N, C-alpha and C. Protein backbone atom coordinates (compact mmCIF):
# COMPACT_ATOMS: atom_id res chain seq x y z
N UNK A 1 -18.62 6.50 -13.52
CA UNK A 1 -17.39 6.32 -12.75
C UNK A 1 -16.26 7.03 -13.49
N UNK A 2 -15.55 7.90 -12.79
CA UNK A 2 -14.40 8.60 -13.37
C UNK A 2 -13.16 7.72 -13.25
N UNK A 3 -12.53 7.47 -14.40
CA UNK A 3 -11.37 6.58 -14.41
C UNK A 3 -10.13 7.28 -14.93
N UNK A 4 -9.02 6.96 -14.31
CA UNK A 4 -7.70 7.43 -14.75
C UNK A 4 -6.95 6.23 -15.31
N UNK A 5 -6.54 6.31 -16.57
CA UNK A 5 -5.69 5.29 -17.17
C UNK A 5 -4.25 5.73 -16.95
N UNK A 6 -3.53 4.96 -16.15
CA UNK A 6 -2.14 5.27 -15.81
C UNK A 6 -1.24 4.31 -16.58
N UNK A 7 -0.41 4.87 -17.48
CA UNK A 7 0.50 4.10 -18.32
C UNK A 7 1.91 4.34 -17.78
N UNK A 8 2.44 3.33 -17.10
CA UNK A 8 3.68 3.46 -16.33
C UNK A 8 4.90 3.03 -17.16
N UNK A 9 5.78 3.98 -17.43
CA UNK A 9 7.16 3.74 -17.88
C UNK A 9 7.33 2.87 -19.13
N UNK A 10 6.50 3.06 -20.11
CA UNK A 10 6.61 2.27 -21.34
C UNK A 10 7.73 2.84 -22.22
N UNK A 11 8.96 2.65 -21.75
CA UNK A 11 10.15 3.20 -22.38
C UNK A 11 10.90 2.11 -23.15
N UNK A 12 11.71 2.54 -24.11
CA UNK A 12 12.42 1.60 -24.98
C UNK A 12 13.35 0.65 -24.23
N UNK A 13 13.82 1.01 -23.08
CA UNK A 13 14.74 0.15 -22.32
C UNK A 13 14.09 -1.18 -21.94
N UNK A 14 12.74 -1.25 -22.02
CA UNK A 14 12.02 -2.47 -21.65
C UNK A 14 11.60 -3.29 -22.87
N UNK A 15 11.94 -2.82 -24.08
CA UNK A 15 11.60 -3.55 -25.31
C UNK A 15 12.39 -4.85 -25.40
N UNK A 16 11.92 -5.76 -26.22
CA UNK A 16 12.64 -7.01 -26.47
C UNK A 16 14.04 -6.68 -26.99
N UNK A 17 15.04 -7.31 -26.41
CA UNK A 17 16.42 -7.11 -26.80
C UNK A 17 17.10 -5.94 -26.10
N UNK A 18 16.35 -5.14 -25.37
CA UNK A 18 16.92 -4.00 -24.65
C UNK A 18 17.46 -4.47 -23.29
N UNK A 19 18.26 -3.64 -22.63
CA UNK A 19 18.91 -4.07 -21.38
C UNK A 19 17.96 -4.57 -20.29
N UNK A 20 16.79 -3.96 -20.16
CA UNK A 20 15.85 -4.37 -19.11
C UNK A 20 14.57 -4.94 -19.71
N UNK A 21 14.74 -5.71 -20.78
CA UNK A 21 13.60 -6.23 -21.53
C UNK A 21 12.60 -6.94 -20.64
N UNK A 22 11.34 -6.66 -20.90
CA UNK A 22 10.25 -7.38 -20.25
C UNK A 22 9.68 -8.37 -21.26
N UNK A 23 9.40 -9.56 -20.78
CA UNK A 23 8.82 -10.55 -21.69
C UNK A 23 7.43 -10.04 -22.10
N UNK A 24 7.00 -10.37 -23.27
CA UNK A 24 5.65 -10.09 -23.71
C UNK A 24 5.31 -8.60 -23.77
N UNK A 25 6.33 -7.75 -23.85
CA UNK A 25 6.06 -6.31 -23.84
C UNK A 25 5.32 -5.87 -25.11
N UNK A 26 5.53 -6.55 -26.22
CA UNK A 26 4.81 -6.23 -27.44
C UNK A 26 3.31 -6.38 -27.27
N UNK A 27 2.90 -7.46 -26.62
CA UNK A 27 1.47 -7.67 -26.34
C UNK A 27 0.96 -6.63 -25.35
N UNK A 28 1.78 -6.26 -24.39
CA UNK A 28 1.41 -5.22 -23.43
C UNK A 28 1.15 -3.90 -24.16
N UNK A 29 2.01 -3.55 -25.10
CA UNK A 29 1.82 -2.33 -25.90
C UNK A 29 0.48 -2.39 -26.63
N UNK A 30 0.19 -3.52 -27.27
CA UNK A 30 -1.07 -3.65 -28.02
C UNK A 30 -2.28 -3.50 -27.11
N UNK A 31 -2.21 -4.05 -25.91
CA UNK A 31 -3.34 -3.94 -24.98
C UNK A 31 -3.52 -2.49 -24.52
N UNK A 32 -2.41 -1.80 -24.28
CA UNK A 32 -2.50 -0.39 -23.89
C UNK A 32 -3.09 0.43 -25.04
N UNK A 33 -2.69 0.14 -26.27
CA UNK A 33 -3.25 0.84 -27.42
C UNK A 33 -4.77 0.62 -27.50
N UNK A 34 -5.22 -0.61 -27.25
CA UNK A 34 -6.67 -0.88 -27.23
C UNK A 34 -7.37 0.00 -26.20
N UNK A 35 -6.78 0.10 -25.02
CA UNK A 35 -7.37 0.94 -23.97
C UNK A 35 -7.41 2.40 -24.39
N UNK A 36 -6.30 2.89 -24.93
CA UNK A 36 -6.25 4.28 -25.36
C UNK A 36 -7.25 4.56 -26.48
N UNK A 37 -7.34 3.65 -27.45
CA UNK A 37 -8.25 3.84 -28.58
C UNK A 37 -9.71 3.69 -28.19
N UNK A 38 -9.99 3.01 -27.09
CA UNK A 38 -11.38 2.81 -26.66
C UNK A 38 -12.03 4.10 -26.19
N UNK A 39 -11.24 5.04 -25.70
CA UNK A 39 -11.79 6.29 -25.20
C UNK A 39 -12.60 6.15 -23.92
N UNK A 40 -12.50 5.01 -23.26
CA UNK A 40 -13.32 4.77 -22.06
C UNK A 40 -12.83 5.54 -20.83
N UNK A 41 -11.57 5.88 -20.79
CA UNK A 41 -11.02 6.55 -19.61
C UNK A 41 -11.26 8.05 -19.68
N UNK A 42 -11.58 8.63 -18.53
CA UNK A 42 -11.79 10.07 -18.46
C UNK A 42 -10.49 10.85 -18.57
N UNK A 43 -9.42 10.24 -18.07
CA UNK A 43 -8.13 10.92 -18.06
C UNK A 43 -7.06 9.87 -18.30
N UNK A 44 -5.97 10.28 -18.98
CA UNK A 44 -4.84 9.39 -19.25
C UNK A 44 -3.57 10.13 -18.86
N UNK A 45 -2.69 9.42 -18.17
CA UNK A 45 -1.37 9.95 -17.82
C UNK A 45 -0.33 8.89 -18.14
N UNK A 46 0.73 9.31 -18.83
CA UNK A 46 1.91 8.49 -19.04
C UNK A 46 2.96 8.92 -18.03
N UNK A 47 3.73 7.96 -17.52
CA UNK A 47 4.88 8.30 -16.70
C UNK A 47 6.13 7.71 -17.34
N UNK A 48 7.26 8.29 -16.97
CA UNK A 48 8.54 7.74 -17.40
C UNK A 48 9.51 7.86 -16.24
N UNK A 49 10.38 6.86 -16.15
CA UNK A 49 11.40 6.88 -15.10
C UNK A 49 12.66 7.55 -15.65
N UNK A 50 13.16 8.52 -14.91
CA UNK A 50 14.45 9.14 -15.19
C UNK A 50 15.28 9.03 -13.92
N UNK A 51 16.51 8.63 -14.07
CA UNK A 51 17.38 8.47 -12.90
C UNK A 51 17.44 9.77 -12.10
N UNK A 52 17.53 9.66 -10.78
CA UNK A 52 17.59 10.86 -9.94
C UNK A 52 18.79 11.74 -10.31
N UNK A 53 18.55 13.04 -10.44
CA UNK A 53 19.65 13.96 -10.77
C UNK A 53 20.50 14.29 -9.55
N UNK A 54 19.91 14.19 -8.38
CA UNK A 54 20.64 14.41 -7.13
C UNK A 54 20.37 13.20 -6.22
N UNK A 55 20.97 12.07 -6.55
CA UNK A 55 20.65 10.83 -5.84
C UNK A 55 21.07 10.84 -4.37
N UNK A 56 20.25 10.17 -3.58
CA UNK A 56 20.53 9.99 -2.16
C UNK A 56 20.63 8.49 -1.87
N UNK A 57 21.41 8.13 -0.90
CA UNK A 57 21.49 6.73 -0.46
C UNK A 57 21.82 5.78 -1.59
N UNK A 58 21.05 4.69 -1.69
CA UNK A 58 21.34 3.66 -2.69
C UNK A 58 21.09 4.13 -4.11
N UNK A 59 20.39 5.25 -4.30
CA UNK A 59 20.22 5.79 -5.65
C UNK A 59 21.56 6.22 -6.23
N UNK A 60 22.54 6.56 -5.39
CA UNK A 60 23.88 6.88 -5.90
C UNK A 60 24.49 5.65 -6.55
N UNK A 61 24.38 4.50 -5.89
CA UNK A 61 24.89 3.25 -6.46
C UNK A 61 24.11 2.89 -7.73
N UNK A 62 22.81 3.11 -7.72
CA UNK A 62 21.97 2.85 -8.89
C UNK A 62 22.48 3.67 -10.08
N UNK A 63 22.67 4.98 -9.85
CA UNK A 63 23.15 5.84 -10.93
C UNK A 63 24.50 5.40 -11.46
N UNK A 64 25.39 4.97 -10.59
CA UNK A 64 26.71 4.48 -11.02
C UNK A 64 26.59 3.20 -11.81
N UNK A 65 25.81 2.26 -11.32
CA UNK A 65 25.64 0.95 -11.95
C UNK A 65 25.02 1.07 -13.35
N UNK A 66 24.05 1.96 -13.49
CA UNK A 66 23.28 2.03 -14.72
C UNK A 66 23.50 3.33 -15.50
N UNK A 67 24.65 3.96 -15.33
CA UNK A 67 24.95 5.22 -16.01
C UNK A 67 24.79 5.11 -17.53
N UNK A 68 25.26 4.01 -18.09
CA UNK A 68 25.19 3.83 -19.55
C UNK A 68 23.75 3.84 -20.04
N UNK A 69 22.85 3.23 -19.29
CA UNK A 69 21.43 3.19 -19.64
C UNK A 69 20.79 4.55 -19.37
N UNK A 70 21.07 5.11 -18.21
CA UNK A 70 20.45 6.38 -17.82
C UNK A 70 20.78 7.51 -18.78
N UNK A 71 21.95 7.46 -19.41
CA UNK A 71 22.40 8.53 -20.29
C UNK A 71 21.99 8.31 -21.75
N UNK A 72 21.34 7.20 -22.05
CA UNK A 72 20.96 6.86 -23.42
C UNK A 72 19.55 7.40 -23.70
N UNK A 73 19.47 8.46 -24.48
CA UNK A 73 18.18 9.10 -24.76
C UNK A 73 17.18 8.14 -25.38
N UNK A 74 17.61 7.33 -26.35
CA UNK A 74 16.69 6.40 -27.01
C UNK A 74 16.08 5.42 -26.00
N UNK A 75 16.90 4.83 -25.16
CA UNK A 75 16.39 3.85 -24.20
C UNK A 75 15.37 4.46 -23.25
N UNK A 76 15.47 5.74 -23.00
CA UNK A 76 14.58 6.38 -22.03
C UNK A 76 13.34 7.01 -22.65
N UNK A 77 13.23 6.98 -23.97
CA UNK A 77 12.05 7.52 -24.65
C UNK A 77 10.87 6.56 -24.53
N UNK A 78 9.66 7.12 -24.62
CA UNK A 78 8.45 6.31 -24.70
C UNK A 78 8.51 5.49 -26.00
N UNK A 79 8.05 4.25 -25.93
CA UNK A 79 8.09 3.36 -27.10
C UNK A 79 7.38 3.99 -28.30
N UNK A 80 7.91 3.78 -29.51
CA UNK A 80 7.36 4.43 -30.71
C UNK A 80 5.87 4.15 -30.94
N UNK A 81 5.41 2.96 -30.59
CA UNK A 81 4.00 2.62 -30.80
C UNK A 81 3.08 3.49 -29.94
N UNK A 82 3.59 3.96 -28.80
CA UNK A 82 2.77 4.75 -27.88
C UNK A 82 3.08 6.24 -27.96
N UNK A 83 4.17 6.58 -28.58
CA UNK A 83 4.59 7.99 -28.66
C UNK A 83 3.52 8.90 -29.26
N UNK A 84 2.80 8.50 -30.32
CA UNK A 84 1.75 9.38 -30.86
C UNK A 84 0.70 9.78 -29.81
N UNK A 85 0.42 8.91 -28.87
CA UNK A 85 -0.58 9.21 -27.84
C UNK A 85 -0.08 10.30 -26.89
N UNK A 86 1.23 10.46 -26.81
CA UNK A 86 1.78 11.47 -25.89
C UNK A 86 1.60 12.89 -26.42
N UNK A 87 1.13 13.01 -27.65
CA UNK A 87 0.77 14.34 -28.16
C UNK A 87 -0.58 14.76 -27.59
N UNK A 88 -1.40 13.77 -27.24
CA UNK A 88 -2.73 14.01 -26.68
C UNK A 88 -2.75 14.00 -25.16
N UNK A 89 -1.88 13.17 -24.58
CA UNK A 89 -1.89 12.96 -23.13
C UNK A 89 -0.54 13.31 -22.53
N UNK A 90 -0.53 13.80 -21.30
CA UNK A 90 0.74 14.23 -20.70
C UNK A 90 1.64 13.07 -20.31
N UNK A 91 2.94 13.37 -20.33
CA UNK A 91 3.97 12.45 -19.84
C UNK A 91 4.67 13.16 -18.69
N UNK A 92 4.67 12.53 -17.52
CA UNK A 92 5.34 13.11 -16.36
C UNK A 92 6.51 12.22 -15.97
N UNK A 93 7.60 12.87 -15.63
CA UNK A 93 8.82 12.17 -15.25
C UNK A 93 8.89 11.97 -13.75
N UNK A 94 9.52 10.87 -13.36
CA UNK A 94 9.72 10.56 -11.94
C UNK A 94 11.11 9.99 -11.76
N UNK A 95 11.62 10.10 -10.56
CA UNK A 95 12.92 9.50 -10.25
C UNK A 95 12.79 8.60 -9.02
N UNK A 96 11.62 8.01 -8.91
CA UNK A 96 11.31 7.00 -7.89
C UNK A 96 10.56 5.89 -8.61
N UNK A 97 10.46 4.75 -8.01
CA UNK A 97 9.74 3.66 -8.68
C UNK A 97 8.24 3.93 -8.77
N UNK A 98 7.64 4.45 -7.74
CA UNK A 98 6.20 4.67 -7.72
C UNK A 98 5.81 5.89 -8.55
N UNK A 99 4.85 5.71 -9.44
CA UNK A 99 4.33 6.85 -10.20
C UNK A 99 3.53 7.79 -9.31
N UNK A 100 3.14 7.32 -8.14
CA UNK A 100 2.40 8.17 -7.20
C UNK A 100 3.30 9.27 -6.65
N UNK A 101 4.59 9.19 -6.85
CA UNK A 101 5.52 10.25 -6.44
C UNK A 101 5.31 11.52 -7.25
N UNK A 102 4.63 11.42 -8.37
CA UNK A 102 4.39 12.56 -9.26
C UNK A 102 3.17 13.33 -8.76
N UNK A 103 3.33 14.62 -8.56
CA UNK A 103 2.25 15.47 -8.04
C UNK A 103 0.98 15.36 -8.90
N UNK A 104 1.13 15.41 -10.22
CA UNK A 104 -0.03 15.35 -11.11
C UNK A 104 -0.75 14.01 -11.04
N UNK A 105 -0.02 12.94 -10.79
CA UNK A 105 -0.65 11.63 -10.62
C UNK A 105 -1.44 11.62 -9.31
N UNK A 106 -0.87 12.17 -8.25
CA UNK A 106 -1.59 12.23 -6.97
C UNK A 106 -2.88 13.04 -7.12
N UNK A 107 -2.80 14.17 -7.82
CA UNK A 107 -3.99 15.01 -8.01
C UNK A 107 -5.05 14.30 -8.83
N UNK A 108 -4.64 13.65 -9.92
CA UNK A 108 -5.59 12.93 -10.77
C UNK A 108 -6.19 11.74 -10.03
N UNK A 109 -5.39 11.08 -9.20
CA UNK A 109 -5.88 9.96 -8.40
C UNK A 109 -6.98 10.42 -7.45
N UNK A 110 -6.79 11.57 -6.84
CA UNK A 110 -7.77 12.10 -5.89
C UNK A 110 -9.11 12.40 -6.56
N UNK A 111 -9.08 12.70 -7.86
CA UNK A 111 -10.30 13.02 -8.61
C UNK A 111 -10.97 11.80 -9.23
N UNK A 112 -10.27 10.67 -9.29
CA UNK A 112 -10.77 9.48 -9.98
C UNK A 112 -11.47 8.52 -9.00
N UNK A 113 -12.45 7.81 -9.55
CA UNK A 113 -13.10 6.75 -8.78
C UNK A 113 -12.32 5.44 -8.87
N UNK A 114 -11.55 5.30 -9.97
CA UNK A 114 -10.78 4.08 -10.16
C UNK A 114 -9.57 4.38 -11.05
N UNK A 115 -8.46 3.72 -10.73
CA UNK A 115 -7.23 3.84 -11.49
C UNK A 115 -7.03 2.56 -12.29
N UNK A 116 -6.85 2.69 -13.61
CA UNK A 116 -6.53 1.55 -14.46
C UNK A 116 -5.02 1.51 -14.55
N UNK A 117 -4.42 0.47 -13.97
CA UNK A 117 -2.96 0.38 -13.89
C UNK A 117 -2.42 -0.48 -15.01
N UNK A 118 -1.48 0.11 -15.80
CA UNK A 118 -0.85 -0.57 -16.92
C UNK A 118 0.62 -0.18 -16.97
N UNK A 119 1.42 -0.95 -17.71
CA UNK A 119 2.80 -0.57 -17.96
C UNK A 119 3.82 -1.61 -17.54
N UNK A 120 5.01 -1.13 -17.20
CA UNK A 120 6.14 -1.97 -16.81
C UNK A 120 6.83 -1.35 -15.61
N UNK A 121 7.60 -2.00 -14.95
CA UNK A 121 7.92 -3.41 -14.81
C UNK A 121 7.07 -3.92 -13.65
N UNK A 122 6.38 -5.03 -13.85
CA UNK A 122 5.43 -5.54 -12.85
C UNK A 122 6.04 -5.58 -11.46
N UNK A 123 7.24 -6.14 -11.35
CA UNK A 123 7.84 -6.39 -10.04
C UNK A 123 8.60 -5.19 -9.50
N UNK A 124 8.53 -4.07 -10.17
CA UNK A 124 9.27 -2.88 -9.72
C UNK A 124 8.32 -1.68 -9.68
N UNK A 125 8.27 -0.91 -10.75
CA UNK A 125 7.48 0.32 -10.75
C UNK A 125 5.98 0.08 -10.63
N UNK A 126 5.49 -1.00 -11.21
CA UNK A 126 4.06 -1.31 -11.08
C UNK A 126 3.73 -1.67 -9.64
N UNK A 127 4.51 -2.54 -9.03
CA UNK A 127 4.26 -2.93 -7.64
C UNK A 127 4.34 -1.73 -6.71
N UNK A 128 5.36 -0.88 -6.89
CA UNK A 128 5.51 0.31 -6.05
C UNK A 128 4.32 1.25 -6.23
N UNK A 129 3.88 1.42 -7.47
CA UNK A 129 2.73 2.29 -7.75
C UNK A 129 1.46 1.69 -7.16
N UNK A 130 1.27 0.40 -7.33
CA UNK A 130 0.09 -0.28 -6.79
C UNK A 130 -0.03 -0.05 -5.29
N UNK A 131 1.03 -0.30 -4.56
CA UNK A 131 0.94 -0.16 -3.09
C UNK A 131 0.77 1.29 -2.68
N UNK A 132 1.38 2.22 -3.41
CA UNK A 132 1.17 3.65 -3.11
C UNK A 132 -0.28 4.05 -3.35
N UNK A 133 -0.86 3.59 -4.45
CA UNK A 133 -2.26 3.90 -4.73
C UNK A 133 -3.18 3.33 -3.66
N UNK A 134 -2.90 2.11 -3.24
CA UNK A 134 -3.71 1.49 -2.18
C UNK A 134 -3.59 2.30 -0.90
N UNK A 135 -2.36 2.69 -0.55
CA UNK A 135 -2.16 3.50 0.66
C UNK A 135 -2.91 4.82 0.58
N UNK A 136 -3.06 5.36 -0.63
CA UNK A 136 -3.76 6.63 -0.82
C UNK A 136 -5.28 6.46 -0.82
N UNK A 137 -5.74 5.20 -0.76
CA UNK A 137 -7.17 4.95 -0.73
C UNK A 137 -7.81 4.85 -2.09
N UNK A 138 -7.01 4.70 -3.14
CA UNK A 138 -7.55 4.59 -4.50
C UNK A 138 -8.01 3.17 -4.78
N UNK A 139 -9.06 3.06 -5.57
CA UNK A 139 -9.51 1.77 -6.09
C UNK A 139 -8.70 1.51 -7.37
N UNK A 140 -8.06 0.36 -7.47
CA UNK A 140 -7.17 0.05 -8.58
C UNK A 140 -7.71 -1.13 -9.38
N UNK A 141 -7.77 -0.96 -10.69
CA UNK A 141 -8.04 -2.07 -11.60
C UNK A 141 -6.70 -2.46 -12.20
N UNK A 142 -6.19 -3.61 -11.79
CA UNK A 142 -4.90 -4.14 -12.24
C UNK A 142 -5.17 -4.92 -13.52
N UNK A 143 -4.79 -4.34 -14.66
CA UNK A 143 -5.04 -4.97 -15.95
C UNK A 143 -3.86 -5.85 -16.33
N UNK A 144 -3.96 -7.09 -15.91
CA UNK A 144 -2.80 -7.99 -15.92
C UNK A 144 -2.19 -8.24 -17.29
N UNK A 145 -2.96 -8.14 -18.37
CA UNK A 145 -2.37 -8.34 -19.69
C UNK A 145 -1.90 -7.03 -20.32
N UNK A 146 -2.03 -5.93 -19.59
CA UNK A 146 -1.49 -4.64 -20.02
C UNK A 146 -0.34 -4.23 -19.10
N UNK A 147 0.22 -5.24 -18.42
CA UNK A 147 1.36 -5.05 -17.51
C UNK A 147 2.37 -6.14 -17.84
N UNK A 148 3.63 -5.76 -17.96
CA UNK A 148 4.68 -6.74 -18.26
C UNK A 148 5.77 -6.67 -17.20
N UNK A 149 6.23 -7.87 -16.82
CA UNK A 149 7.38 -7.99 -15.95
C UNK A 149 8.52 -8.63 -16.72
N UNK A 150 9.61 -8.87 -16.03
CA UNK A 150 10.76 -9.44 -16.71
C UNK A 150 10.57 -10.92 -17.05
N UNK A 151 9.69 -11.60 -16.33
CA UNK A 151 9.41 -13.01 -16.60
C UNK A 151 7.93 -13.29 -16.38
N UNK A 152 7.40 -14.35 -16.97
CA UNK A 152 6.02 -14.73 -16.70
C UNK A 152 5.79 -15.01 -15.21
N UNK A 153 6.81 -15.54 -14.53
CA UNK A 153 6.69 -15.83 -13.10
C UNK A 153 6.48 -14.55 -12.29
N UNK A 154 7.20 -13.50 -12.64
CA UNK A 154 7.00 -12.21 -11.96
C UNK A 154 5.62 -11.67 -12.26
N UNK A 155 5.18 -11.77 -13.51
CA UNK A 155 3.83 -11.31 -13.86
C UNK A 155 2.79 -11.98 -12.96
N UNK A 156 2.90 -13.29 -12.86
CA UNK A 156 1.93 -14.04 -12.05
C UNK A 156 2.02 -13.68 -10.57
N UNK A 157 3.24 -13.54 -10.07
CA UNK A 157 3.42 -13.23 -8.65
C UNK A 157 2.82 -11.87 -8.30
N UNK A 158 3.04 -10.86 -9.13
CA UNK A 158 2.53 -9.53 -8.82
C UNK A 158 1.02 -9.49 -9.01
N UNK A 159 0.49 -10.20 -10.00
CA UNK A 159 -0.97 -10.29 -10.16
C UNK A 159 -1.59 -10.96 -8.93
N UNK A 160 -0.91 -11.96 -8.37
CA UNK A 160 -1.42 -12.60 -7.14
C UNK A 160 -1.40 -11.61 -5.98
N UNK A 161 -0.35 -10.81 -5.90
CA UNK A 161 -0.30 -9.78 -4.85
C UNK A 161 -1.46 -8.81 -5.03
N UNK A 162 -1.69 -8.35 -6.26
CA UNK A 162 -2.81 -7.44 -6.52
C UNK A 162 -4.14 -8.08 -6.13
N UNK A 163 -4.29 -9.36 -6.45
CA UNK A 163 -5.51 -10.08 -6.10
C UNK A 163 -5.68 -10.17 -4.58
N UNK A 164 -4.58 -10.25 -3.86
CA UNK A 164 -4.67 -10.37 -2.40
C UNK A 164 -5.31 -9.15 -1.75
N UNK A 165 -5.31 -8.01 -2.44
CA UNK A 165 -5.95 -6.79 -1.93
C UNK A 165 -7.41 -6.67 -2.36
N UNK A 166 -7.88 -7.65 -3.12
CA UNK A 166 -9.23 -7.64 -3.65
C UNK A 166 -10.24 -7.96 -2.55
N UNK A 167 -11.36 -7.51 -2.56
CA UNK A 167 -12.06 -6.67 -3.52
C UNK A 167 -12.13 -5.22 -3.06
N UNK A 168 -11.73 -4.95 -1.88
CA UNK A 168 -11.83 -3.58 -1.37
C UNK A 168 -10.89 -2.64 -2.10
N UNK A 169 -9.61 -2.98 -2.19
CA UNK A 169 -8.64 -2.07 -2.78
C UNK A 169 -8.42 -2.29 -4.27
N UNK A 170 -8.49 -3.53 -4.71
CA UNK A 170 -8.15 -3.84 -6.10
C UNK A 170 -9.17 -4.74 -6.76
N UNK A 171 -9.13 -4.69 -8.07
CA UNK A 171 -9.77 -5.68 -8.93
C UNK A 171 -8.68 -6.10 -9.91
N UNK A 172 -8.70 -7.34 -10.35
CA UNK A 172 -7.74 -7.82 -11.35
C UNK A 172 -8.56 -8.33 -12.53
N UNK A 173 -8.21 -7.87 -13.72
CA UNK A 173 -8.96 -8.26 -14.91
C UNK A 173 -8.03 -8.21 -16.12
N UNK A 174 -8.55 -8.64 -17.25
CA UNK A 174 -7.86 -8.48 -18.53
C UNK A 174 -8.45 -7.27 -19.24
N UNK A 175 -7.76 -6.80 -20.25
CA UNK A 175 -8.26 -5.68 -21.03
C UNK A 175 -9.57 -6.05 -21.71
N UNK A 176 -9.67 -7.27 -22.23
CA UNK A 176 -10.90 -7.72 -22.86
C UNK A 176 -12.06 -7.69 -21.88
N UNK A 177 -11.83 -8.17 -20.66
CA UNK A 177 -12.88 -8.13 -19.63
C UNK A 177 -13.31 -6.68 -19.38
N UNK A 178 -12.35 -5.81 -19.22
CA UNK A 178 -12.64 -4.40 -18.94
C UNK A 178 -13.41 -3.77 -20.09
N UNK A 179 -12.94 -3.97 -21.32
CA UNK A 179 -13.59 -3.33 -22.48
C UNK A 179 -14.98 -3.89 -22.75
N UNK A 180 -15.26 -5.08 -22.27
CA UNK A 180 -16.59 -5.67 -22.51
C UNK A 180 -17.63 -5.16 -21.52
N UNK A 181 -17.20 -4.42 -20.49
CA UNK A 181 -18.16 -3.85 -19.54
C UNK A 181 -18.74 -2.58 -20.11
N UNK A 182 -19.93 -2.28 -19.70
CA UNK A 182 -20.62 -1.08 -20.21
C UNK A 182 -20.01 0.17 -19.66
């Protein structure tokens, strides 16, 4: 089975103490590192969110509201624990919530039998990516402990949504469950 490990938006702005901190993001980083170090995936892609440079509609208000964050290079960088992996694997930028908006992600999805979904923010970019992947006909493995939202309640809610598409479109598992499979 050809698998794509998709690491969504693991940027400093989501670290503990940062403006858009996700709870348990440290554990999420460790789980993603386990996946990367396992070598089980055929292909790995990192994505990062960058504010739209030519915003339309409500993205104009978004850019105004979050200008201080959008202009901060440190907050928008990939987290230091994962940055070494970006020397081996590509990082593609997007200015939409769904990582499926990226041409290279769409191409890699078309070649994969299953997408391993990881990253942040469960209730935003992960949810948007999940539904886009489902619409594209991709089989998604939602690795719930390698995904962080802003609260445990959001984590649980989005995992329940992912489960609701099971078993045809999605599977929901932990990284340990996934790594223990042959």
